[in-house]
Protein backbone atom coordinates (compact mmCIF):
# COMPACT_ATOMS: atom_id res chain seq x y z
CA UNK A 1 6.54 12.71 33.29
CA UNK A 2 3.98 11.33 30.84
CA UNK A 3 1.84 13.46 28.54
CA UNK A 4 -1.67 12.16 27.90
CA UNK A 5 -3.75 13.62 25.07
CA UNK A 6 -6.92 12.52 23.29
CA UNK A 7 -7.42 8.77 22.90
CA UNK A 8 -4.94 8.20 25.75
CA UNK A 9 -1.80 8.73 23.71
CA UNK A 10 1.21 8.60 26.00
CA UNK A 11 4.81 9.75 25.74
CA UNK A 12 7.55 10.81 28.14
CA UNK A 13 9.48 14.07 28.13
CA UNK A 14 12.70 12.17 27.40
CA UNK A 15 11.09 10.56 24.36
CA UNK A 16 9.88 13.94 23.12
CA UNK A 17 13.39 15.38 23.27
CA UNK A 18 14.82 12.38 21.43
CA UNK A 19 12.11 12.40 18.71
CA UNK A 20 12.60 16.10 18.11
CA UNK A 21 16.29 15.53 17.46
CA UNK A 22 15.43 12.70 15.06
CA UNK A 23 12.92 14.96 13.30
CA UNK A 24 15.62 17.62 12.86
CA UNK A 25 17.96 15.08 11.26
CA UNK A 26 15.12 13.78 9.08
CA UNK A 27 14.29 17.32 7.90
CA UNK A 28 17.95 18.06 7.27
CA UNK A 29 18.16 15.10 4.90
CA UNK A 30 14.82 15.95 3.26
CA UNK A 31 16.09 19.44 2.41
CA UNK A 32 19.32 18.26 0.79
CA UNK A 33 19.65 19.44 -2.86
CA UNK A 34 20.07 15.82 -3.97
CA UNK A 35 16.45 15.12 -3.04
CA UNK A 36 15.25 17.55 -5.72
CA UNK A 37 17.62 15.90 -8.18
CA UNK A 38 16.23 12.48 -7.32
CA UNK A 39 12.67 13.74 -7.68
CA UNK A 40 13.38 14.96 -11.19
CA UNK A 41 14.95 11.60 -12.04
CA UNK A 42 11.78 9.87 -10.90
CA UNK A 43 9.59 12.17 -12.99
CA UNK A 44 11.69 11.42 -16.07
CA UNK A 45 11.67 7.71 -15.26
CA UNK A 46 7.86 7.62 -15.13
CA UNK A 47 7.66 9.69 -18.33
CA UNK A 48 9.84 7.06 -20.05
CA UNK A 49 12.57 9.66 -20.49
CA UNK A 50 15.02 8.30 -17.90
CA UNK A 51 18.67 9.23 -18.33
CA UNK A 52 19.84 6.49 -15.95
CA UNK A 53 18.33 3.52 -14.11
CA UNK A 54 16.50 4.17 -10.85
CA UNK A 55 17.80 1.92 -8.07
CA UNK A 56 16.21 1.32 -4.69
CA UNK A 57 16.38 -1.32 -2.00
CA UNK A 58 13.09 -2.31 -0.41
CA UNK A 59 13.59 -2.67 3.34
CA UNK A 60 10.13 -3.87 4.34
CA UNK A 61 10.96 -7.56 4.79
CA UNK A 62 14.07 -6.89 6.88
CA UNK A 63 13.26 -3.51 8.42
CA UNK A 64 13.49 -4.90 11.94
CA UNK A 65 17.06 -6.00 11.25
CA UNK A 66 17.99 -2.52 10.07
CA UNK A 67 16.20 -0.51 12.74
CA UNK A 68 17.83 -1.73 15.95
CA UNK A 69 18.52 -0.17 19.34
CA UNK A 70 15.12 1.49 19.59
CA UNK A 71 15.31 4.19 22.25
CA UNK A 72 11.62 4.76 22.97
CA UNK A 73 9.49 2.64 25.28
CA UNK A 74 5.89 3.81 24.85
CA UNK A 75 4.11 2.36 21.79
CA UNK A 76 3.22 5.80 20.46
CA UNK A 77 6.77 7.13 20.60
CA UNK A 78 8.16 3.87 19.21
CA UNK A 79 5.92 4.12 16.14
CA UNK A 80 7.12 7.65 15.42
CA UNK A 81 10.74 6.66 16.06
CA UNK A 82 10.63 3.71 13.67
CA UNK A 83 9.02 5.76 10.92
CA UNK A 84 11.68 8.45 11.19
CA UNK A 85 14.54 5.96 11.49
CA UNK A 86 13.41 3.98 8.44
CA UNK A 87 14.12 6.98 6.21
CA UNK A 88 17.22 8.11 8.09
CA UNK A 89 18.88 4.68 8.15
CA UNK A 90 18.02 4.01 4.51
CA UNK A 91 19.76 7.25 3.55
CA UNK A 92 22.77 6.80 5.80
CA UNK A 93 23.46 3.12 5.12
CA UNK A 94 22.03 2.44 1.65
CA UNK A 95 21.71 5.86 -0.01
CA UNK A 96 19.69 4.59 -2.95
CA UNK A 97 17.37 6.71 -5.12
CA UNK A 98 14.58 7.03 -2.55
CA UNK A 99 13.40 10.54 -1.82
CA UNK A 100 12.79 11.79 1.73
CA UNK A 101 9.72 14.03 1.86
CA UNK A 102 9.84 17.16 4.04
CA UNK A 103 6.86 16.02 6.11
CA UNK A 104 5.72 13.16 8.32
CA UNK A 105 2.88 10.92 7.13
CA UNK A 106 0.00 9.55 9.17
CA UNK A 107 -2.62 7.34 7.56
CA UNK A 108 -6.37 7.26 7.84
CA UNK A 109 -7.39 4.52 10.28
CA UNK A 110 -9.55 2.28 8.09
CA UNK A 111 -10.91 -1.09 9.16
CA UNK A 112 -12.30 -3.62 6.68
CA UNK A 113 -14.04 -6.93 7.19
CA UNK A 114 -13.27 -8.48 3.83
CA UNK A 115 -15.90 -10.85 2.41
CA UNK A 116 -17.46 -11.21 5.86
CA UNK A 117 -14.78 -13.61 7.10
CA UNK A 118 -11.97 -13.52 9.60
CA UNK A 119 -8.68 -14.52 8.02
CA UNK A 120 -7.14 -17.38 9.96
CA UNK A 121 -3.37 -17.75 9.75
CA UNK A 122 -1.06 -20.05 11.66
CA UNK A 123 2.36 -18.45 11.94
CA UNK A 124 5.81 -19.93 12.29
CA UNK A 125 8.27 -18.02 14.46
CA UNK A 126 12.06 -17.77 14.54
CA UNK A 127 14.34 -18.01 17.58
CA UNK A 128 13.56 -14.42 18.55
CA UNK A 129 9.80 -14.88 18.35
CA UNK A 130 9.33 -13.03 15.05
CA UNK A 131 6.64 -14.25 12.68
CA UNK A 132 8.41 -15.45 9.53
CA UNK A 133 5.83 -17.51 7.63
CA UNK A 134 2.29 -18.79 7.85
CA UNK A 135 -0.26 -21.31 6.70
CA UNK A 136 -3.71 -19.97 5.91
CA UNK A 137 -7.07 -21.62 6.43
CA UNK A 138 -9.14 -21.20 3.27
CA UNK A 139 -12.86 -20.48 3.22
CA UNK A 140 -13.47 -22.14 -0.16
CA UNK A 141 -12.63 -25.82 -0.50
CA UNK A 142 -15.04 -26.57 -3.36
CA UNK A 143 -15.88 -23.49 -5.43
CA UNK A 144 -19.24 -24.75 -6.66
CA UNK A 145 -20.41 -25.55 -3.14
CA UNK A 146 -18.75 -22.80 -1.12
CA UNK A 147 -19.22 -19.69 -3.26
CA UNK A 148 -22.35 -18.67 -1.35
CA UNK A 149 -20.28 -18.29 1.83
CA UNK A 150 -18.88 -15.03 0.47
CA UNK A 151 -20.36 -11.77 1.74
CA UNK A 152 -19.80 -8.22 0.61
CA UNK A 153 -17.04 -6.50 2.54
CA UNK A 154 -17.87 -3.94 5.21
CA UNK A 155 -15.62 -1.09 6.29
CA UNK A 156 -15.37 2.08 8.33
CA UNK A 157 -12.94 4.94 8.88
CA UNK A 158 -12.18 6.31 12.34
CA UNK A 159 -11.75 9.97 11.49
CA UNK A 160 -11.75 11.02 15.13
CA UNK A 161 -8.82 8.75 15.96
CA UNK A 162 -6.88 9.74 12.85
CA UNK A 163 -7.25 13.46 13.49
CA UNK A 164 -6.36 13.00 17.16
CA UNK A 165 -3.24 11.02 16.23
CA UNK A 166 -2.22 13.70 13.73
CA UNK A 167 -2.65 16.36 16.43
CA UNK A 168 -0.62 14.26 18.86
CA UNK A 169 2.28 13.85 16.43
CA UNK A 170 2.12 17.56 15.61
CA UNK A 171 2.39 18.41 19.29
CA UNK A 172 5.73 16.58 19.38
CA UNK A 173 7.45 17.37 16.07
CA UNK A 174 5.02 19.49 14.06
CA UNK A 175 7.03 22.70 14.36
CA UNK A 176 10.03 20.85 12.88
CA UNK A 177 8.36 18.43 10.49
CA UNK A 178 4.86 19.14 9.12
CA UNK A 179 2.38 16.28 9.51
CA UNK A 180 0.20 15.21 6.55
CA UNK A 181 -2.67 12.73 6.45
CA UNK A 182 -2.18 10.12 3.72
CA UNK A 183 -4.13 7.05 2.62
CA UNK A 184 -2.18 3.90 1.75
CA UNK A 185 -5.06 1.46 2.26
CA UNK A 186 -5.40 0.74 -1.47
CA UNK A 187 -1.67 0.23 -2.08
CA UNK A 188 -2.02 -3.58 -2.17
CA UNK A 189 -5.80 -3.94 -2.14
CA UNK A 190 -6.43 -3.93 -5.90
CA UNK A 191 -4.86 -7.34 -6.52
CA UNK A 192 -7.78 -9.71 -7.25
CA UNK A 193 -5.75 -12.88 -7.83
CA UNK A 194 -4.16 -12.56 -4.40
CA UNK A 195 -7.63 -12.46 -2.90
CA UNK A 196 -8.64 -15.57 -4.86
CA UNK A 197 -5.66 -17.46 -3.42
CA UNK A 198 -6.41 -16.22 0.09
CA UNK A 199 -9.94 -17.57 -0.29
CA UNK A 200 -9.16 -20.96 -1.83
CA UNK A 201 -5.41 -21.59 -2.16
CA UNK A 202 -3.32 -21.57 -5.33
CA UNK A 203 -3.64 -25.23 -6.29
CA UNK A 204 -7.39 -25.16 -5.76
CA UNK A 205 -7.63 -21.97 -7.85
CA UNK A 206 -5.81 -23.50 -10.82
CA UNK A 207 -7.87 -26.70 -10.70
CA UNK A 208 -11.08 -24.65 -10.47
CA UNK A 209 -10.27 -22.88 -13.75
CA UNK A 210 -10.61 -26.29 -15.40
CA UNK A 211 -13.28 -27.87 -13.20
CA UNK A 212 -15.53 -24.85 -12.54
CA UNK A 213 -14.83 -22.21 -15.20
CA UNK A 214 -18.21 -20.49 -14.84
CA UNK A 215 -17.85 -20.25 -11.08
CA UNK A 216 -14.28 -18.92 -11.45
CA UNK A 217 -15.53 -16.13 -13.70
CA UNK A 218 -18.23 -15.44 -11.14
CA UNK A 219 -15.66 -15.30 -8.33
CA UNK A 220 -13.41 -12.82 -10.14
CA UNK A 221 -16.43 -10.66 -11.01
CA UNK A 222 -17.56 -10.72 -7.36
CA UNK A 223 -14.12 -9.67 -6.13
CA UNK A 224 -13.79 -6.90 -8.73
CA UNK A 225 -17.18 -5.45 -7.79
CA UNK A 226 -16.31 -5.66 -4.09
CA UNK A 227 -13.05 -3.76 -4.66
CA UNK A 228 -14.79 -1.12 -6.77
CA UNK A 229 -17.42 -0.58 -4.07
CA UNK A 230 -14.66 -0.11 -1.48
CA UNK A 231 -12.87 2.39 -3.72
CA UNK A 232 -16.08 4.33 -4.35
CA UNK A 233 -16.85 4.39 -0.62
CA UNK A 234 -13.46 5.95 0.06
CA UNK A 235 -14.08 8.51 -2.67
CA UNK A 236 -17.47 9.44 -1.20
CA UNK A 237 -16.01 9.63 2.32
CA UNK A 238 -13.46 12.13 1.10
CA UNK A 239 -10.52 10.13 2.45
CA UNK A 240 -8.63 9.46 -0.78
CA UNK A 241 -5.33 11.31 -1.07
CA UNK A 242 -3.19 11.95 -4.13
CA UNK A 243 -0.32 9.53 -4.78
CA UNK A 244 1.40 11.30 -7.67
CA UNK A 245 4.50 12.34 -5.68
CA UNK A 246 6.77 10.50 -3.27
CA UNK A 247 4.10 7.84 -2.79
CA UNK A 248 4.40 4.09 -3.18
CA UNK A 249 3.02 3.18 -6.59
CA UNK A 250 3.87 -0.52 -6.56
CA UNK A 251 6.72 -3.02 -6.39
CA UNK A 252 9.39 -0.58 -5.29
CA UNK A 253 8.34 2.21 -7.61
CA UNK A 254 7.11 5.67 -6.66
CA UNK A 255 4.34 7.75 -8.14
CA UNK A 256 6.14 10.88 -9.33
CA UNK A 257 4.14 12.00 -12.34
CA UNK A 258 2.89 15.21 -13.91
CA UNK A 259 0.03 13.33 -15.63
CA UNK A 260 -1.97 13.28 -12.39
CA UNK A 261 -4.19 14.58 -10.93
CA UNK A 262 -6.91 15.19 -13.53
CA UNK A 263 -8.38 18.51 -14.55
CA UNK A 264 -11.43 17.60 -12.46
CA UNK A 265 -9.34 17.66 -9.32
CA UNK A 266 -7.90 21.08 -10.15
CA UNK A 267 -11.45 22.41 -10.39
CA UNK A 268 -13.07 20.68 -7.41
CA UNK A 269 -10.08 19.81 -5.18
CA UNK A 270 -11.85 16.49 -4.55
CA UNK A 271 -9.64 13.43 -4.99
CA UNK A 272 -11.21 10.66 -7.04
CA UNK A 273 -9.76 7.31 -8.05
CA UNK A 274 -9.15 8.79 -11.51
CA UNK A 275 -6.63 11.14 -9.88
CA UNK A 276 -4.56 8.26 -8.51
CA UNK A 277 -2.22 5.44 -9.41
CA UNK A 278 -3.54 1.92 -9.08
CA UNK A 279 -1.19 -0.92 -8.12
CA UNK A 280 -2.11 -4.25 -9.71
CA UNK A 281 -0.43 -7.59 -10.23
CA UNK A 282 -1.33 -11.24 -10.66
CA UNK A 283 1.68 -13.07 -9.27
CA UNK A 284 -0.48 -15.99 -8.22
CA UNK A 285 -1.42 -16.91 -11.82
CA UNK A 286 2.17 -17.22 -13.06
CA UNK A 287 1.60 -20.96 -13.55
CA UNK A 288 -1.23 -20.64 -16.07
CA UNK A 289 -0.92 -20.13 -19.82
CA UNK A 290 -1.30 -16.76 -21.59
CA UNK A 291 -4.59 -18.02 -23.04
CA UNK A 292 -5.97 -18.85 -19.60
CA UNK A 293 -4.72 -15.51 -18.30
CA UNK A 294 -6.59 -13.82 -21.14
CA UNK A 295 -9.77 -15.73 -20.34
CA UNK A 296 -9.91 -15.72 -16.55
CA UNK A 297 -7.79 -12.80 -15.37
CA UNK A 298 -7.24 -10.02 -17.87
CA UNK A 299 -10.90 -9.00 -18.48
CA UNK A 300 -11.43 -8.38 -14.77
CA UNK A 301 -8.13 -6.62 -14.25
CA UNK A 302 -8.90 -4.43 -17.26
CA UNK A 303 -12.28 -3.51 -15.79
CA UNK A 304 -10.69 -2.54 -12.49
CA UNK A 305 -7.78 -0.71 -14.14
CA UNK A 306 -10.22 1.66 -15.84
CA UNK A 307 -11.07 3.11 -12.42
CA UNK A 308 -7.60 4.69 -12.07
CA UNK A 309 -5.76 7.49 -13.79
CA UNK A 310 -2.57 5.43 -14.15
CA UNK A 311 -1.77 1.81 -13.34
CA UNK A 312 1.44 0.18 -12.15
CA UNK A 313 1.26 -3.48 -13.20
CA UNK A 314 3.41 -6.35 -12.04
CA UNK A 315 5.45 -7.39 -9.02
CA UNK A 316 7.65 -10.47 -8.66
CA UNK A 317 6.06 -12.36 -11.56
CA UNK A 318 7.47 -12.38 -15.10
CA UNK A 319 5.13 -10.81 -17.64
CA UNK A 320 7.16 -11.27 -20.83
CA UNK A 321 5.14 -14.29 -21.92
CA UNK A 322 1.81 -12.50 -21.64
CA UNK A 323 0.83 -10.62 -24.78
CA UNK A 324 -1.27 -7.54 -24.06
CA UNK A 325 -3.55 -6.09 -26.68
CA UNK A 326 -3.36 -2.29 -26.76
CA UNK A 327 -6.38 -0.86 -25.01
CA UNK A 328 -7.31 2.77 -24.42
CA UNK A 329 -8.04 2.92 -20.66
């Protein structure tokens, strides 16, 4: 038997039974006393009062290798299964300092056409058909000539679909595991240098800092303004959600903090970007000097950072050779 709800979501009775058992196991782990202990460790860590190092293993790049023997067949059930199993398997096999939240997350369905272009990637595949690497076609070959090709990004949120999907998940496991709407669309969106490389390639970017410095400043300013407009649109649409708990804050770290949200949120209950963590890095500029970073990158990152309540900076790049002046953000 197949159940069909709004938006033609499908699932079998057998899958429902299986997912409900997974949800029970998930909730059992989420309610373990150690989860409260881990939460407190995270709060102290982010307050710079840690009593011990926080250790986690990020599974994202090898999740498919960890989550094997999928039982479900329909796409809808498979998505729920993988999300539940990711937390369960991480706890059972790795048991790091990640916290399991006592609820299931669904995300707002947001589509964005960034800079008015369609990203073209040519993927390599392994022996099983998995995509493991890609080459990207760049819009900008010569910054002085091609800058005008850039358009302001356009975006929309499908609230009807998101609410229907939430209702669908609730109909399966909601009495066991509450379902919350979250918004992770900005988790890796506020990284301007990554967008520069996507548009023109890393080598071309570094040459352009020497050959076309004015245009490079113009490009960073354009990208920063585009990101800020996207963030403000989300704020006005009322689709921002707080990320000051068991939420990805950046590069394997989580957002547990008592510094957020702001007093404004407590009065209005409206989430603004000032109530949230921002996640920023500039891995792509690791090959330039601190002076060039200060000239071409930092002023724009600083401008964007001011939009957030707190900022997580850095990813895989070293930052020890960049000297930051103390600013009040």
